[in-house]
Protein backbone atom coordinates (compact mmCIF):
# COMPACT_ATOMS: atom_id res chain seq x y z
CA MET A 1 0.00 0.02 -0.03
CA ARG A 2 1.45 3.31 -1.04
CA GLU A 3 -0.23 6.56 0.04
CA VAL A 4 -0.31 9.63 -2.19
CA GLU A 5 -0.48 13.26 -2.02
CA LEU A 6 -3.89 14.41 -2.59
CA HIS A 7 -4.74 17.41 -4.70
CA SER A 8 -7.01 20.13 -3.12
CA LYS A 9 -8.71 23.21 -3.67
CA ILE A 10 -8.74 25.43 -0.69
CA ILE A 11 -11.51 28.00 -0.17
CA GLY A 12 -11.05 30.60 2.73
CA GLU A 13 -7.58 32.06 3.79
CA GLU A 14 -8.34 31.10 7.42
CA GLY A 15 -10.77 29.56 9.81
CA PRO A 16 -11.45 26.33 11.22
CA PRO A 17 -10.67 23.67 8.46
CA LEU A 18 -13.87 21.69 6.65
CA VAL A 19 -12.81 18.88 4.36
CA VAL A 20 -15.14 17.75 1.66
CA LEU A 21 -14.76 14.16 -0.14
CA HIS A 22 -16.62 13.57 -3.40
CA GLY A 23 -18.10 10.57 -4.70
CA LEU A 24 -17.15 8.35 -7.69
CA PHE A 25 -16.61 9.89 -11.09
CA GLY A 26 -16.53 13.33 -9.25
CA MET A 27 -14.02 15.80 -8.00
CA GLY A 28 -13.56 18.31 -5.35
CA ASP A 29 -14.61 20.96 -7.72
CA ASN A 30 -18.13 19.52 -7.86
CA TRP A 31 -18.84 21.01 -4.07
CA ALA A 32 -17.53 24.71 -5.06
CA SER A 33 -20.78 26.44 -4.74
CA HIS A 34 -21.36 24.58 -1.28
CA ALA A 35 -17.73 25.68 -0.31
CA ARG A 36 -18.15 29.06 -1.02
CA LYS A 37 -21.04 29.26 1.38
CA TRP A 38 -19.06 27.48 3.96
CA SER A 39 -16.12 29.88 3.43
CA ASN A 40 -18.48 32.78 3.95
CA MET A 41 -19.62 31.05 7.49
CA GLY A 42 -15.92 31.29 8.60
CA PHE A 43 -14.83 27.97 7.55
CA GLN A 44 -11.72 27.05 5.45
CA VAL A 45 -12.83 24.42 3.06
CA HIS A 46 -10.55 22.02 1.60
CA LEU A 47 -12.21 20.48 -1.58
CA ILE A 48 -9.91 16.82 -2.10
CA ASP A 49 -9.59 15.30 -5.36
CA LEU A 50 -9.33 11.62 -4.21
CA ARG A 51 -6.72 9.30 -5.83
CA ASN A 52 -7.62 8.46 -9.34
CA HIS A 53 -9.66 11.39 -9.62
CA GLY A 54 -9.64 14.97 -10.68
CA ARG A 55 -6.06 16.33 -10.54
CA SER A 56 -4.81 13.59 -7.87
CA PRO A 57 -2.30 11.08 -8.79
CA HIS A 58 -3.22 8.05 -11.06
CA MET A 59 -2.38 5.02 -8.99
CA SER A 60 -2.57 1.12 -9.73
CA SER A 61 -4.95 0.39 -6.74
CA HIS A 62 -8.15 1.96 -5.76
CA SER A 63 -9.51 0.76 -2.15
CA TYR A 64 -10.95 2.23 0.61
CA SER A 65 -7.83 1.17 2.70
CA ASP A 66 -5.55 3.20 0.14
CA MET A 67 -7.89 6.16 0.45
CA VAL A 68 -7.65 6.06 4.36
CA GLU A 69 -4.22 6.35 4.28
CA ASP A 70 -4.14 9.21 1.61
CA LEU A 71 -6.34 11.15 3.84
CA LYS A 72 -3.97 10.49 6.69
CA LEU A 73 -1.28 12.02 4.92
CA TYR A 74 -3.24 14.80 3.89
CA PHE A 75 -4.06 15.58 7.49
CA GLU A 76 -0.61 15.34 8.83
CA ASN A 77 0.66 17.49 5.96
CA LYS A 78 -2.03 20.47 6.44
CA PHE A 79 -3.47 19.93 10.00
CA HIS A 80 -0.71 18.64 12.15
CA ASP A 81 -1.20 21.44 14.56
CA LYS A 82 -4.96 21.34 14.55
CA SER A 83 -7.22 18.79 16.39
CA SER A 84 -10.67 20.07 15.33
CA VAL A 85 -11.25 19.14 11.65
CA LYS A 86 -14.74 18.71 10.39
CA TRP A 87 -15.70 16.57 7.56
CA ILE A 88 -18.07 15.88 4.94
CA GLY A 89 -18.02 12.79 2.41
CA HIS A 90 -20.61 11.85 -0.18
CA SER A 91 -20.91 8.26 -1.57
CA MET A 92 -17.42 6.74 -2.16
CA GLY A 93 -16.19 9.74 -0.18
CA GLY A 94 -18.44 8.87 2.47
CA LYS A 95 -17.23 5.22 2.67
CA ALA A 96 -13.79 6.44 2.75
CA LEU A 97 -14.54 8.93 5.71
CA MET A 98 -16.53 6.35 7.58
CA GLN A 99 -13.29 4.07 7.42
CA PHE A 100 -10.76 6.84 8.16
CA ALA A 101 -12.73 8.06 11.19
CA CYS A 102 -12.90 4.67 12.80
CA LYS A 103 -9.06 4.12 12.30
CA TYR A 104 -8.12 7.72 13.14
CA PRO A 105 -10.58 9.08 15.37
CA LYS A 106 -8.35 11.96 16.75
CA TYR A 107 -8.45 13.32 13.28
CA VAL A 108 -12.06 13.71 13.00
CA GLU A 109 -14.13 16.18 15.34
CA LYS A 110 -17.27 15.60 13.67
CA MET A 111 -18.65 14.46 10.04
CA VAL A 112 -21.30 14.42 7.86
CA ILE A 113 -21.91 11.34 5.62
CA VAL A 114 -24.13 11.91 2.53
CA ASP A 115 -26.28 9.23 1.19
CA ILE A 116 -24.36 6.08 1.69
CA GLY A 117 -23.93 3.42 4.49
CA PRO A 118 -21.06 1.00 5.44
CA LYS A 119 -22.94 -1.92 3.76
CA HIS A 120 -22.34 -3.57 0.46
CA TYR A 121 -23.84 -2.03 -2.62
CA PRO A 122 -24.42 -3.77 -6.00
CA VAL A 123 -22.13 -2.26 -8.61
CA GLN A 124 -24.48 0.04 -10.60
CA TYR A 125 -22.09 1.85 -12.93
CA SER A 126 -21.82 -0.31 -15.91
CA GLU A 127 -23.59 1.76 -18.37
CA ILE A 128 -21.72 4.97 -17.22
CA LEU A 129 -18.41 2.97 -17.76
CA GLU A 130 -19.59 1.50 -21.09
CA ALA A 131 -20.71 5.32 -22.37
CA MET A 132 -17.19 6.71 -21.07
CA ASN A 133 -15.26 3.85 -22.99
CA SER A 134 -17.28 4.52 -26.05
CA LEU A 135 -15.79 7.99 -26.65
CA ASP A 136 -13.32 8.12 -29.52
CA PHE A 137 -11.12 11.14 -28.65
CA ASN A 138 -9.46 10.91 -32.10
CA GLN A 139 -12.84 11.93 -33.53
CA LEU A 140 -14.05 14.47 -31.02
CA SER A 141 -12.92 18.01 -31.29
CA SER A 142 -15.22 19.76 -28.36
CA ARG A 143 -17.15 19.10 -25.23
CA ALA A 144 -20.49 19.68 -27.36
CA GLU A 145 -19.48 16.71 -29.70
CA ALA A 146 -18.63 14.65 -26.68
CA ASP A 147 -21.78 15.50 -25.08
CA ARG A 148 -23.73 14.18 -28.25
CA ALA A 149 -21.95 10.96 -28.41
CA LEU A 150 -22.58 10.30 -24.60
CA GLU A 151 -26.41 11.21 -25.06
CA GLU A 152 -26.77 7.98 -27.19
CA GLN A 153 -26.18 5.98 -24.09
CA ILE A 154 -26.81 8.39 -21.12
CA LEU A 155 -30.13 10.47 -21.59
CA ASP A 156 -29.77 12.41 -18.40
CA TRP A 157 -28.55 15.74 -19.07
CA GLY A 158 -27.34 16.29 -15.60
CA LEU A 159 -25.47 13.17 -15.22
CA ARG A 160 -23.89 13.76 -18.71
CA GLN A 161 -22.52 17.14 -17.53
CA PHE A 162 -21.29 15.62 -14.27
CA ILE A 163 -19.41 13.11 -16.54
CA LEU A 164 -18.18 15.63 -18.91
CA LYS A 165 -16.62 17.72 -16.03
CA ASN A 166 -13.87 15.09 -16.10
CA LEU A 167 -12.79 15.93 -19.58
CA GLU A 168 -9.45 18.06 -20.14
CA TRP A 169 -7.33 18.75 -23.17
CA LYS A 170 -4.28 16.60 -23.19
CA ALA A 171 -0.63 17.52 -24.60
CA ASP A 172 -1.45 16.10 -27.70
CA LYS A 173 -4.03 18.54 -28.33
CA LYS A 174 -7.04 15.92 -27.83
CA LEU A 175 -9.73 15.51 -25.35
CA GLY A 176 -9.30 12.76 -22.42
CA TRP A 177 -10.25 11.82 -19.21
CA LYS A 178 -8.57 13.49 -16.23
CA LEU A 179 -9.64 10.16 -13.95
CA ASN A 180 -8.00 7.08 -14.32
CA LEU A 181 -10.73 5.40 -15.82
CA LYS A 182 -9.09 1.90 -16.64
CA ILE A 183 -8.17 1.36 -12.78
CA ILE A 184 -11.59 2.52 -11.65
CA GLU A 185 -13.23 0.04 -14.05
CA SER A 186 -11.08 -2.71 -13.35
CA GLN A 187 -11.54 -2.25 -9.38
CA ILE A 188 -15.18 -0.83 -9.40
CA SER A 189 -16.27 -3.96 -7.34
CA ARG A 190 -14.23 -2.49 -4.43
CA ILE A 191 -16.22 0.70 -4.54
CA GLY A 192 -19.37 -1.19 -3.51
CA GLU A 193 -17.75 -3.59 -0.80
CA GLU A 194 -19.03 -3.68 2.85
CA LEU A 195 -16.56 -1.82 5.14
CA ALA A 196 -14.64 -3.73 8.02
CA PHE A 197 -14.31 -1.67 11.04
CA GLU A 198 -12.02 -2.82 14.16
CA SER A 199 -13.60 -0.19 16.23
CA ASN A 200 -16.46 2.33 16.29
CA PHE A 201 -16.28 6.03 16.15
CA SER A 202 -17.78 7.84 19.31
CA GLY A 203 -17.92 11.46 17.94
CA PRO A 204 -20.87 13.28 16.52
CA VAL A 205 -22.17 12.07 12.95
CA LEU A 206 -24.86 13.37 10.96
CA PHE A 207 -26.28 11.08 8.02
CA ILE A 208 -27.95 12.61 5.69
CA ARG A 209 -30.07 10.70 2.77
CA GLY A 210 -32.24 11.69 -0.18
CA MET A 211 -36.20 10.96 0.46
CA ASN A 212 -36.07 9.46 -3.03
CA SER A 213 -32.75 7.46 -2.70
CA GLN A 214 -32.23 3.76 -1.52
CA TYR A 215 -28.98 4.02 -0.31
CA ILE A 216 -29.63 4.40 3.38
CA LEU A 217 -32.68 2.38 4.27
CA ASP A 218 -34.69 2.54 7.68
CA ASP A 219 -33.43 -1.17 8.16
CA ASP A 220 -29.90 0.08 7.95
CA TRP A 221 -30.01 2.33 11.04
CA LEU A 222 -29.27 -0.35 13.53
CA ASN A 223 -26.09 -1.30 12.23
CA ILE A 224 -25.03 2.03 11.38
CA MET A 225 -25.75 3.02 15.19
CA GLN A 226 -23.73 0.12 16.34
CA ILE A 227 -20.60 1.51 14.48
CA PHE A 228 -21.61 5.20 15.13
CA PRO A 229 -23.47 5.64 18.44
CA MET A 230 -23.56 9.36 18.28
CA ALA A 231 -25.11 9.38 14.94
CA ASN A 232 -28.17 11.16 13.66
CA LEU A 233 -30.21 10.97 10.39
CA ASP A 234 -31.69 13.66 8.38
CA SER A 235 -33.65 13.10 5.17
CA ILE A 236 -33.81 15.80 2.47
CA SER A 237 -37.05 16.08 0.46
CA GLY A 238 -37.14 15.81 -3.24
CA ALA A 239 -33.61 14.49 -3.47
CA GLY A 240 -32.11 11.04 -4.70
CA HIS A 241 -28.40 10.10 -4.24
CA TRP A 242 -27.25 13.42 -5.51
CA VAL A 243 -28.56 15.13 -2.39
CA HIS A 244 -26.27 18.23 -2.45
CA SER A 245 -27.18 19.18 -6.07
CA GLU A 246 -31.01 17.94 -6.12
CA ASN A 247 -32.03 20.13 -3.11
CA PRO A 248 -29.17 22.27 -2.07
CA SER A 249 -31.06 24.60 0.01
CA GLU A 250 -32.30 22.10 2.50
CA PHE A 251 -29.03 19.96 2.39
CA GLN A 252 -27.14 23.31 3.31
CA ASP A 253 -29.48 24.03 6.01
CA SER A 254 -28.99 20.68 7.44
CA VAL A 255 -25.13 20.59 7.31
CA ASN A 256 -25.05 23.95 8.69
CA ASP A 257 -27.11 23.36 11.81
CA PHE A 258 -24.88 20.16 12.46
CA LEU A 259 -21.57 22.05 11.82
CA LEU A 260 -22.42 25.05 14.16
CA ILE A 261 -23.47 23.08 17.16
């Protein structure tokens, strides 16, 4: 196992740190609008790109154990003299954060876990991966052309824009993916695996779920409370798995109430 130095975008020159971890196919910049609001509240917000995503290094392994050690290195490099760091993690980022908090509890003052639990989830990304792999960058000269090509397999406009944010111009003047698509695809089953914990986390935790999402069910709560005995659950109306973008106002209110307690 080899930890890597993660890329981050930091919003706010000072204030108590708030670290945000994105989900699969995402990047820290997906959270920029929320981050600006938290910065205005006085936080210094760290939008991290997890390994194999965004501008963080491409590695040959993509497991939650890897991500936990990456986060430990980031903490030690950025916050070595601070004990009160708050965290937010969505989906894959939420799973990484749960494992991180249980292994290194002194690094987490409190955390928000967005629409994910510690249980096993079946892999549901085959259509997205197939669509991403179908793009022929030798034939595409613009993002608009890439969008039209993706539309043949991904009808949801919002999901396409989320995926297209991963495009960048390469040194050969051709479009390509920022993320490490080959490794993510080859290790996709690891993303859904159930987490194994050596100990629980006794600090404050807020789980947020979308009321239209099936990721955190009522039947999951007993198991979650055994690992996170101080956990609370908030359900956001009119939102699915991408809670923070589908009902950003109610999501902000829920997170802010928790952060400021």
